[in-house]
mmCIF file of all heavy atoms, coordinates in Angstrom:
data_MODEL
# 
_entry.id   MODEL 
# 
loop_
_atom_site.group_PDB 
_atom_site.id 
_atom_site.type_symbol 
_atom_site.label_atom_id 
_atom_site.label_alt_id 
_atom_site.label_comp_id 
_atom_site.label_asym_id 
_atom_site.label_entity_id 
_atom_site.label_seq_id 
_atom_site.pdbx_PDB_ins_code 
_atom_site.Cartn_x 
_atom_site.Cartn_y 
_atom_site.Cartn_z 
_atom_site.occupancy 
_atom_site.B_iso_or_equiv 
_atom_site.pdbx_formal_charge 
_atom_site.auth_seq_id 
_atom_site.auth_comp_id 
_atom_site.auth_asym_id 
_atom_site.auth_atom_id 
_atom_site.pdbx_PDB_model_num 
ATOM 1   N N   . ALA A 1 1  ? 13.403  -14.297 1.120  1.00 0.00 ? 1  ALA A N   1 
ATOM 2   C CA  . ALA A 1 1  ? 14.377  -15.278 1.613  1.00 0.00 ? 1  ALA A CA  1 
ATOM 3   C C   . ALA A 1 1  ? 15.702  -14.635 1.974  1.00 0.00 ? 1  ALA A C   1 
ATOM 4   O O   . ALA A 1 1  ? 16.427  -15.133 2.843  1.00 0.00 ? 1  ALA A O   1 
ATOM 5   C CB  . ALA A 1 1  ? 14.588  -16.366 0.559  1.00 0.00 ? 1  ALA A CB  1 
ATOM 6   N N   . ASP A 1 2  ? 16.040  -13.508 1.338  1.00 0.00 ? 2  ASP A N   1 
ATOM 7   C CA  . ASP A 1 2  ? 17.304  -12.837 1.638  1.00 0.00 ? 2  ASP A CA  1 
ATOM 8   C C   . ASP A 1 2  ? 17.199  -11.868 2.802  1.00 0.00 ? 2  ASP A C   1 
ATOM 9   O O   . ASP A 1 2  ? 18.143  -11.131 3.086  1.00 0.00 ? 2  ASP A O   1 
ATOM 10  C CB  . ASP A 1 2  ? 17.842  -12.119 0.399  1.00 0.00 ? 2  ASP A CB  1 
ATOM 11  C CG  . ASP A 1 2  ? 16.870  -11.059 -0.135 1.00 0.00 ? 2  ASP A CG  1 
ATOM 12  O OD1 . ASP A 1 2  ? 15.832  -10.808 0.518  1.00 0.00 ? 2  ASP A OD1 1 
ATOM 13  O OD2 . ASP A 1 2  ? 17.155  -10.487 -1.199 1.00 0.00 ? 2  ASP A OD2 1 
ATOM 14  N N   . GLY A 1 3  ? 16.038  -11.849 3.497  1.00 0.00 ? 3  GLY A N   1 
ATOM 15  C CA  . GLY A 1 3  ? 15.875  -11.028 4.690  1.00 0.00 ? 3  GLY A CA  1 
ATOM 16  C C   . GLY A 1 3  ? 15.267  -9.675  4.453  1.00 0.00 ? 3  GLY A C   1 
ATOM 17  O O   . GLY A 1 3  ? 14.930  -8.976  5.427  1.00 0.00 ? 3  GLY A O   1 
ATOM 18  N N   . ARG A 1 4  ? 15.094  -9.244  3.215  1.00 0.00 ? 4  ARG A N   1 
ATOM 19  C CA  . ARG A 1 4  ? 14.468  -7.957  2.959  1.00 0.00 ? 4  ARG A CA  1 
ATOM 20  C C   . ARG A 1 4  ? 13.009  -7.980  3.406  1.00 0.00 ? 4  ARG A C   1 
ATOM 21  O O   . ARG A 1 4  ? 12.325  -8.990  3.249  1.00 0.00 ? 4  ARG A O   1 
ATOM 22  C CB  . ARG A 1 4  ? 14.539  -7.594  1.476  1.00 0.00 ? 4  ARG A CB  1 
ATOM 23  C CG  . ARG A 1 4  ? 15.917  -7.249  0.951  1.00 0.00 ? 4  ARG A CG  1 
ATOM 24  C CD  . ARG A 1 4  ? 15.881  -7.026  -0.560 1.00 0.00 ? 4  ARG A CD  1 
ATOM 25  N NE  . ARG A 1 4  ? 15.404  -8.226  -1.241 1.00 0.00 ? 4  ARG A NE  1 
ATOM 26  C CZ  . ARG A 1 4  ? 14.631  -8.198  -2.337 1.00 0.00 ? 4  ARG A CZ  1 
ATOM 27  N NH1 . ARG A 1 4  ? 14.242  -7.045  -2.848 1.00 0.00 ? 4  ARG A NH1 1 
ATOM 28  N NH2 . ARG A 1 4  ? 14.252  -9.325  -2.897 1.00 0.00 ? 4  ARG A NH2 1 
ATOM 29  N N   . THR A 1 5  ? 12.547  -6.866  3.983  1.00 0.00 ? 5  THR A N   1 
ATOM 30  C CA  . THR A 1 5  ? 11.165  -6.776  4.434  1.00 0.00 ? 5  THR A CA  1 
ATOM 31  C C   . THR A 1 5  ? 10.456  -5.639  3.708  1.00 0.00 ? 5  THR A C   1 
ATOM 32  O O   . THR A 1 5  ? 11.059  -4.628  3.347  1.00 0.00 ? 5  THR A O   1 
ATOM 33  C CB  . THR A 1 5  ? 11.079  -6.545  5.953  1.00 0.00 ? 5  THR A CB  1 
ATOM 34  O OG1 . THR A 1 5  ? 11.730  -5.306  6.281  1.00 0.00 ? 5  THR A OG1 1 
ATOM 35  C CG2 . THR A 1 5  ? 11.723  -7.686  6.719  1.00 0.00 ? 5  THR A CG2 1 
ATOM 36  N N   . PHE A 1 6  ? 9.157   -5.833  3.522  1.00 0.00 ? 6  PHE A N   1 
ATOM 37  C CA  . PHE A 1 6  ? 8.299   -4.843  2.873  1.00 0.00 ? 6  PHE A CA  1 
ATOM 38  C C   . PHE A 1 6  ? 7.015   -4.756  3.695  1.00 0.00 ? 6  PHE A C   1 
ATOM 39  O O   . PHE A 1 6  ? 6.510   -5.780  4.161  1.00 0.00 ? 6  PHE A O   1 
ATOM 40  C CB  . PHE A 1 6  ? 7.964   -5.254  1.440  1.00 0.00 ? 6  PHE A CB  1 
ATOM 41  C CG  . PHE A 1 6  ? 9.152   -5.646  0.612  1.00 0.00 ? 6  PHE A CG  1 
ATOM 42  C CD1 . PHE A 1 6  ? 9.614   -6.960  0.623  1.00 0.00 ? 6  PHE A CD1 1 
ATOM 43  C CD2 . PHE A 1 6  ? 9.810   -4.720  -0.171 1.00 0.00 ? 6  PHE A CD2 1 
ATOM 44  C CE1 . PHE A 1 6  ? 10.705  -7.333  -0.142 1.00 0.00 ? 6  PHE A CE1 1 
ATOM 45  C CE2 . PHE A 1 6  ? 10.902  -5.082  -0.941 1.00 0.00 ? 6  PHE A CE2 1 
ATOM 46  C CZ  . PHE A 1 6  ? 11.360  -6.385  -0.926 1.00 0.00 ? 6  PHE A CZ  1 
ATOM 47  N N   . ILE A 1 7  ? 6.488   -3.559  3.850  1.00 0.00 ? 7  ILE A N   1 
ATOM 48  C CA  . ILE A 1 7  ? 5.233   -3.397  4.579  1.00 0.00 ? 7  ILE A CA  1 
ATOM 49  C C   . ILE A 1 7  ? 4.252   -2.587  3.734  1.00 0.00 ? 7  ILE A C   1 
ATOM 50  O O   . ILE A 1 7  ? 4.638   -1.773  2.898  1.00 0.00 ? 7  ILE A O   1 
ATOM 51  C CB  . ILE A 1 7  ? 5.427   -2.718  5.952  1.00 0.00 ? 7  ILE A CB  1 
ATOM 52  C CG1 . ILE A 1 7  ? 6.111   -1.354  5.812  1.00 0.00 ? 7  ILE A CG1 1 
ATOM 53  C CG2 . ILE A 1 7  ? 6.211   -3.620  6.892  1.00 0.00 ? 7  ILE A CG2 1 
ATOM 54  C CD1 . ILE A 1 7  ? 6.193   -0.574  7.122  1.00 0.00 ? 7  ILE A CD1 1 
ATOM 55  N N   . GLY A 1 8  ? 2.971   -2.857  3.946  1.00 0.00 ? 8  GLY A N   1 
ATOM 56  C CA  . GLY A 1 8  ? 1.920   -2.148  3.237  1.00 0.00 ? 8  GLY A CA  1 
ATOM 57  C C   . GLY A 1 8  ? 0.599   -2.388  3.926  1.00 0.00 ? 8  GLY A C   1 
ATOM 58  O O   . GLY A 1 8  ? 0.505   -3.158  4.887  1.00 0.00 ? 8  GLY A O   1 
ATOM 59  N N   . ARG A 1 9  ? -0.451  -1.755  3.404  1.00 0.00 ? 9  ARG A N   1 
ATOM 60  C CA  . ARG A 1 9  ? -1.767  -1.900  4.033  1.00 0.00 ? 9  ARG A CA  1 
ATOM 61  C C   . ARG A 1 9  ? -2.856  -1.735  2.994  1.00 0.00 ? 9  ARG A C   1 
ATOM 62  O O   . ARG A 1 9  ? -2.627  -1.215  1.894  1.00 0.00 ? 9  ARG A O   1 
ATOM 63  C CB  . ARG A 1 9  ? -1.957  -0.900  5.160  1.00 0.00 ? 9  ARG A CB  1 
ATOM 64  C CG  . ARG A 1 9  ? -2.507  0.483   4.798  1.00 0.00 ? 9  ARG A CG  1 
ATOM 65  C CD  . ARG A 1 9  ? -1.483  1.412   4.248  1.00 0.00 ? 9  ARG A CD  1 
ATOM 66  N NE  . ARG A 1 9  ? -1.940  2.806   4.216  1.00 0.00 ? 9  ARG A NE  1 
ATOM 67  C CZ  . ARG A 1 9  ? -1.329  3.780   3.561  1.00 0.00 ? 9  ARG A CZ  1 
ATOM 68  N NH1 . ARG A 1 9  ? -0.254  3.532   2.862  1.00 0.00 ? 9  ARG A NH1 1 
ATOM 69  N NH2 . ARG A 1 9  ? -1.797  5.023   3.583  1.00 0.00 ? 9  ARG A NH2 1 
ATOM 70  N N   . VAL A 1 10 ? -4.061  -2.185  3.344  1.00 0.00 ? 10 VAL A N   1 
ATOM 71  C CA  . VAL A 1 10 ? -5.240  -1.925  2.524  1.00 0.00 ? 10 VAL A CA  1 
ATOM 72  C C   . VAL A 1 10 ? -5.674  -0.499  2.839  1.00 0.00 ? 10 VAL A C   1 
ATOM 73  O O   . VAL A 1 10 ? -6.217  -0.219  3.903  1.00 0.00 ? 10 VAL A O   1 
ATOM 74  C CB  . VAL A 1 10 ? -6.370  -2.929  2.806  1.00 0.00 ? 10 VAL A CB  1 
ATOM 75  C CG1 . VAL A 1 10 ? -7.582  -2.615  1.926  1.00 0.00 ? 10 VAL A CG1 1 
ATOM 76  C CG2 . VAL A 1 10 ? -5.902  -4.355  2.587  1.00 0.00 ? 10 VAL A CG2 1 
ATOM 77  N N   . ASP A 1 11 ? -5.393  0.388   1.908  1.00 0.00 ? 11 ASP A N   1 
ATOM 78  C CA  . ASP A 1 11 ? -5.633  1.813   2.108  1.00 0.00 ? 11 ASP A CA  1 
ATOM 79  C C   . ASP A 1 11 ? -7.093  2.134   1.819  1.00 0.00 ? 11 ASP A C   1 
ATOM 80  O O   . ASP A 1 11 ? -7.599  1.818   0.736  1.00 0.00 ? 11 ASP A O   1 
ATOM 81  C CB  . ASP A 1 11 ? -4.703  2.595   1.175  1.00 0.00 ? 11 ASP A CB  1 
ATOM 82  C CG  . ASP A 1 11 ? -4.769  4.099   1.377  1.00 0.00 ? 11 ASP A CG  1 
ATOM 83  O OD1 . ASP A 1 11 ? -5.468  4.541   2.306  1.00 0.00 ? 11 ASP A OD1 1 
ATOM 84  O OD2 . ASP A 1 11 ? -4.111  4.822   0.605  1.00 0.00 ? 11 ASP A OD2 1 
ATOM 85  N N   . GLY A 1 12 ? -7.748  2.784   2.769  1.00 0.00 ? 12 GLY A N   1 
ATOM 86  C CA  . GLY A 1 12 ? -9.140  3.183   2.571  1.00 0.00 ? 12 GLY A CA  1 
ATOM 87  C C   . GLY A 1 12 ? -9.306  4.454   1.783  1.00 0.00 ? 12 GLY A C   1 
ATOM 88  O O   . GLY A 1 12 ? -10.437 4.854   1.489  1.00 0.00 ? 12 GLY A O   1 
ATOM 89  N N   . GLY A 1 13 ? -8.217  5.118   1.421  1.00 0.00 ? 13 GLY A N   1 
ATOM 90  C CA  . GLY A 1 13 ? -8.301  6.364   0.656  1.00 0.00 ? 13 GLY A CA  1 
ATOM 91  C C   . GLY A 1 13 ? -7.502  7.452   1.326  1.00 0.00 ? 13 GLY A C   1 
ATOM 92  O O   . GLY A 1 13 ? -7.921  8.002   2.339  1.00 0.00 ? 13 GLY A O   1 
ATOM 93  N N   . SER A 1 14 ? -6.330  7.762   0.780  1.00 0.00 ? 14 SER A N   1 
ATOM 94  C CA  . SER A 1 14 ? -5.446  8.727   1.443  1.00 0.00 ? 14 SER A CA  1 
ATOM 95  C C   . SER A 1 14 ? -5.077  9.854   0.506  1.00 0.00 ? 14 SER A C   1 
ATOM 96  O O   . SER A 1 14 ? -5.266  9.762   -0.710 1.00 0.00 ? 14 SER A O   1 
ATOM 97  C CB  . SER A 1 14 ? -4.158  8.015   1.905  1.00 0.00 ? 14 SER A CB  1 
ATOM 98  O OG  . SER A 1 14 ? -3.466  7.490   0.781  1.00 0.00 ? 14 SER A OG  1 
ATOM 99  N N   . GLY A 1 15 ? -4.559  10.932  1.079  1.00 0.00 ? 15 GLY A N   1 
ATOM 100 C CA  . GLY A 1 15 ? -3.990  12.000  0.287  1.00 0.00 ? 15 GLY A CA  1 
ATOM 101 C C   . GLY A 1 15 ? -4.869  13.222  0.183  1.00 0.00 ? 15 GLY A C   1 
ATOM 102 O O   . GLY A 1 15 ? -5.628  13.562  1.093  1.00 0.00 ? 15 GLY A O   1 
ATOM 103 N N   . HIS A 1 16 ? -4.767  13.909  -0.954 1.00 0.00 ? 16 HIS A N   1 
ATOM 104 C CA  . HIS A 1 16 ? -5.569  15.109  -1.217 1.00 0.00 ? 16 HIS A CA  1 
ATOM 105 C C   . HIS A 1 16 ? -6.847  14.684  -1.950 1.00 0.00 ? 16 HIS A C   1 
ATOM 106 O O   . HIS A 1 16 ? -7.809  14.279  -1.318 1.00 0.00 ? 16 HIS A O   1 
ATOM 107 C CB  . HIS A 1 16 ? -4.746  16.124  -2.013 1.00 0.00 ? 16 HIS A CB  1 
ATOM 108 C CG  . HIS A 1 16 ? -5.535  17.304  -2.504 1.00 0.00 ? 16 HIS A CG  1 
ATOM 109 N ND1 . HIS A 1 16 ? -6.210  18.149  -1.641 1.00 0.00 ? 16 HIS A ND1 1 
ATOM 110 C CD2 . HIS A 1 16 ? -5.779  17.770  -3.757 1.00 0.00 ? 16 HIS A CD2 1 
ATOM 111 C CE1 . HIS A 1 16 ? -6.831  19.088  -2.350 1.00 0.00 ? 16 HIS A CE1 1 
ATOM 112 N NE2 . HIS A 1 16 ? -6.586  18.876  -3.636 1.00 0.00 ? 16 HIS A NE2 1 
ATOM 113 N N   . SER A 1 17 ? -6.868  14.711  -3.261 1.00 0.00 ? 17 SER A N   1 
ATOM 114 C CA  . SER A 1 17 ? -8.089  14.357  -3.991 1.00 0.00 ? 17 SER A CA  1 
ATOM 115 C C   . SER A 1 17 ? -7.910  13.119  -4.858 1.00 0.00 ? 17 SER A C   1 
ATOM 116 O O   . SER A 1 17 ? -8.736  12.850  -5.722 1.00 0.00 ? 17 SER A O   1 
ATOM 117 C CB  . SER A 1 17 ? -8.539  15.531  -4.864 1.00 0.00 ? 17 SER A CB  1 
ATOM 118 O OG  . SER A 1 17 ? -7.548  15.860  -5.824 1.00 0.00 ? 17 SER A OG  1 
ATOM 119 N N   . GLY A 1 18 ? -6.844  12.363  -4.630 1.00 0.00 ? 18 GLY A N   1 
ATOM 120 C CA  . GLY A 1 18 ? -6.639  11.103  -5.331 1.00 0.00 ? 18 GLY A CA  1 
ATOM 121 C C   . GLY A 1 18 ? -6.731  9.937   -4.375 1.00 0.00 ? 18 GLY A C   1 
ATOM 122 O O   . GLY A 1 18 ? -6.230  10.010  -3.251 1.00 0.00 ? 18 GLY A O   1 
ATOM 123 N N   . LYS A 1 19 ? -7.364  8.848   -4.795 1.00 0.00 ? 19 LYS A N   1 
ATOM 124 C CA  . LYS A 1 19 ? -7.543  7.666   -3.943 1.00 0.00 ? 19 LYS A CA  1 
ATOM 125 C C   . LYS A 1 19 ? -7.036  6.428   -4.679 1.00 0.00 ? 19 LYS A C   1 
ATOM 126 O O   . LYS A 1 19 ? -7.556  6.067   -5.739 1.00 0.00 ? 19 LYS A O   1 
ATOM 127 C CB  . LYS A 1 19 ? -9.017  7.465   -3.573 1.00 0.00 ? 19 LYS A CB  1 
ATOM 128 C CG  . LYS A 1 19 ? -9.687  8.700   -2.968 1.00 0.00 ? 19 LYS A CG  1 
ATOM 129 C CD  . LYS A 1 19 ? -9.071  9.111   -1.654 1.00 0.00 ? 19 LYS A CD  1 
ATOM 130 C CE  . LYS A 1 19 ? -9.779  10.325  -1.058 1.00 0.00 ? 19 LYS A CE  1 
ATOM 131 N NZ  . LYS A 1 19 ? -9.072  10.865  0.124  1.00 0.00 ? 19 LYS A NZ  1 
ATOM 132 N N   . ARG A 1 20 ? -5.986  5.771   -4.115 1.00 0.00 ? 20 ARG A N   1 
ATOM 133 C CA  . ARG A 1 20 ? -5.457  4.548   -4.727 1.00 0.00 ? 20 ARG A CA  1 
ATOM 134 C C   . ARG A 1 20 ? -6.442  3.405   -4.558 1.00 0.00 ? 20 ARG A C   1 
ATOM 135 O O   . ARG A 1 20 ? -7.376  3.463   -3.735 1.00 0.00 ? 20 ARG A O   1 
ATOM 136 C CB  . ARG A 1 20 ? -4.106  4.184   -4.110 1.00 0.00 ? 20 ARG A CB  1 
ATOM 137 C CG  . ARG A 1 20 ? -4.167  3.877   -2.625 1.00 0.00 ? 20 ARG A CG  1 
ATOM 138 C CD  . ARG A 1 20 ? -2.953  3.106   -2.129 1.00 0.00 ? 20 ARG A CD  1 
ATOM 139 N NE  . ARG A 1 20 ? -1.672  3.711   -2.429 1.00 0.00 ? 20 ARG A NE  1 
ATOM 140 C CZ  . ARG A 1 20 ? -1.035  4.601   -1.667 1.00 0.00 ? 20 ARG A CZ  1 
ATOM 141 N NH1 . ARG A 1 20 ? -1.597  5.014   -0.530 1.00 0.00 ? 20 ARG A NH1 1 
ATOM 142 N NH2 . ARG A 1 20 ? 0.141   5.077   -1.995 1.00 0.00 ? 20 ARG A NH2 1 
ATOM 143 N N   . SER A 1 21 ? -6.228  2.338   -5.307 1.00 0.00 ? 21 SER A N   1 
ATOM 144 C CA  . SER A 1 21 ? -7.090  1.168   -5.190 1.00 0.00 ? 21 SER A CA  1 
ATOM 145 C C   . SER A 1 21 ? -6.861  0.495   -3.838 1.00 0.00 ? 21 SER A C   1 
ATOM 146 O O   . SER A 1 21 ? -5.866  0.744   -3.153 1.00 0.00 ? 21 SER A O   1 
ATOM 147 C CB  . SER A 1 21 ? -6.806  0.173   -6.324 1.00 0.00 ? 21 SER A CB  1 
ATOM 148 O OG  . SER A 1 21 ? -5.654  -0.590  -6.047 1.00 0.00 ? 21 SER A OG  1 
ATOM 149 N N   . ASN A 1 22 ? -7.779  -0.413  -3.466 1.00 0.00 ? 22 ASN A N   1 
ATOM 150 C CA  . ASN A 1 22 ? -7.665  -1.140  -2.198 1.00 0.00 ? 22 ASN A CA  1 
ATOM 151 C C   . ASN A 1 22 ? -6.686  -2.295  -2.260 1.00 0.00 ? 22 ASN A C   1 
ATOM 152 O O   . ASN A 1 22 ? -6.399  -2.928  -1.243 1.00 0.00 ? 22 ASN A O   1 
ATOM 153 C CB  . ASN A 1 22 ? -9.032  -1.679  -1.759 1.00 0.00 ? 22 ASN A CB  1 
ATOM 154 C CG  . ASN A 1 22 ? -10.049 -0.589  -1.500 1.00 0.00 ? 22 ASN A CG  1 
ATOM 155 O OD1 . ASN A 1 22 ? -11.144 -0.614  -2.048 1.00 0.00 ? 22 ASN A OD1 1 
ATOM 156 N ND2 . ASN A 1 22 ? -9.699  0.375   -0.672 1.00 0.00 ? 22 ASN A ND2 1 
ATOM 157 N N   . ASP A 1 23 ? -6.167  -2.607  -3.450 1.00 0.00 ? 23 ASP A N   1 
ATOM 158 C CA  . ASP A 1 23 ? -5.192  -3.691  -3.575 1.00 0.00 ? 23 ASP A CA  1 
ATOM 159 C C   . ASP A 1 23 ? -3.888  -3.295  -2.890 1.00 0.00 ? 23 ASP A C   1 
ATOM 160 O O   . ASP A 1 23 ? -3.549  -2.115  -2.793 1.00 0.00 ? 23 ASP A O   1 
ATOM 161 C CB  . ASP A 1 23 ? -4.915  -3.999  -5.041 1.00 0.00 ? 23 ASP A CB  1 
ATOM 162 C CG  . ASP A 1 23 ? -6.149  -4.462  -5.796 1.00 0.00 ? 23 ASP A CG  1 
ATOM 163 O OD1 . ASP A 1 23 ? -7.058  -5.013  -5.140 1.00 0.00 ? 23 ASP A OD1 1 
ATOM 164 O OD2 . ASP A 1 23 ? -6.208  -4.259  -7.020 1.00 0.00 ? 23 ASP A OD2 1 
ATOM 165 N N   . VAL A 1 24 ? -3.143  -4.305  -2.426 1.00 0.00 ? 24 VAL A N   1 
ATOM 166 C CA  . VAL A 1 24 ? -1.824  -4.088  -1.822 1.00 0.00 ? 24 VAL A CA  1 
ATOM 167 C C   . VAL A 1 24 ? -0.780  -4.616  -2.793 1.00 0.00 ? 24 VAL A C   1 
ATOM 168 O O   . VAL A 1 24 ? -0.818  -5.786  -3.179 1.00 0.00 ? 24 VAL A O   1 
ATOM 169 C CB  . VAL A 1 24 ? -1.698  -4.789  -0.459 1.00 0.00 ? 24 VAL A CB  1 
ATOM 170 C CG1 . VAL A 1 24 ? -0.412  -4.350  0.232  1.00 0.00 ? 24 VAL A CG1 1 
ATOM 171 C CG2 . VAL A 1 24 ? -2.904  -4.475  0.430  1.00 0.00 ? 24 VAL A CG2 1 
ATOM 172 N N   . HIS A 1 25 ? 0.157   -3.768  -3.167 1.00 0.00 ? 25 HIS A N   1 
ATOM 173 C CA  . HIS A 1 25 ? 1.147   -4.118  -4.187 1.00 0.00 ? 25 HIS A CA  1 
ATOM 174 C C   . HIS A 1 25 ? 2.551   -3.966  -3.622 1.00 0.00 ? 25 HIS A C   1 
ATOM 175 O O   . HIS A 1 25 ? 2.868   -2.959  -2.980 1.00 0.00 ? 25 HIS A O   1 
ATOM 176 C CB  . HIS A 1 25 ? 0.974   -3.207  -5.413 1.00 0.00 ? 25 HIS A CB  1 
ATOM 177 C CG  . HIS A 1 25 ? 2.054   -3.364  -6.442 1.00 0.00 ? 25 HIS A CG  1 
ATOM 178 N ND1 . HIS A 1 25 ? 3.248   -2.667  -6.381 1.00 0.00 ? 25 HIS A ND1 1 
ATOM 179 C CD2 . HIS A 1 25 ? 2.120   -4.139  -7.552 1.00 0.00 ? 25 HIS A CD2 1 
ATOM 180 C CE1 . HIS A 1 25 ? 4.000   -3.004  -7.412 1.00 0.00 ? 25 HIS A CE1 1 
ATOM 181 N NE2 . HIS A 1 25 ? 3.343   -3.889  -8.146 1.00 0.00 ? 25 HIS A NE2 1 
ATOM 182 N N   . PHE A 1 26 ? 3.388   -4.966  -3.865 1.00 0.00 ? 26 PHE A N   1 
ATOM 183 C CA  . PHE A 1 26 ? 4.795   -4.912  -3.464 1.00 0.00 ? 26 PHE A CA  1 
ATOM 184 C C   . PHE A 1 26 ? 5.671   -5.240  -4.662 1.00 0.00 ? 26 PHE A C   1 
ATOM 185 O O   . PHE A 1 26 ? 5.485   -6.283  -5.310 1.00 0.00 ? 26 PHE A O   1 
ATOM 186 C CB  . PHE A 1 26 ? 5.107   -5.933  -2.362 1.00 0.00 ? 26 PHE A CB  1 
ATOM 187 C CG  . PHE A 1 26 ? 4.332   -5.760  -1.094 1.00 0.00 ? 26 PHE A CG  1 
ATOM 188 C CD1 . PHE A 1 26 ? 3.164   -6.483  -0.871 1.00 0.00 ? 26 PHE A CD1 1 
ATOM 189 C CD2 . PHE A 1 26 ? 4.763   -4.875  -0.112 1.00 0.00 ? 26 PHE A CD2 1 
ATOM 190 C CE1 . PHE A 1 26 ? 2.448   -6.335  0.301  1.00 0.00 ? 26 PHE A CE1 1 
ATOM 191 C CE2 . PHE A 1 26 ? 4.052   -4.724  1.060  1.00 0.00 ? 26 PHE A CE2 1 
ATOM 192 C CZ  . PHE A 1 26 ? 2.895   -5.446  1.273  1.00 0.00 ? 26 PHE A CZ  1 
# 
């Protein structure tokens, strides 16, 4: 409501050898 924006995505698996969950968290 105060105009702040946040962006994210359902990540299929990024990085080196670690893979975050498919959930989107803000």
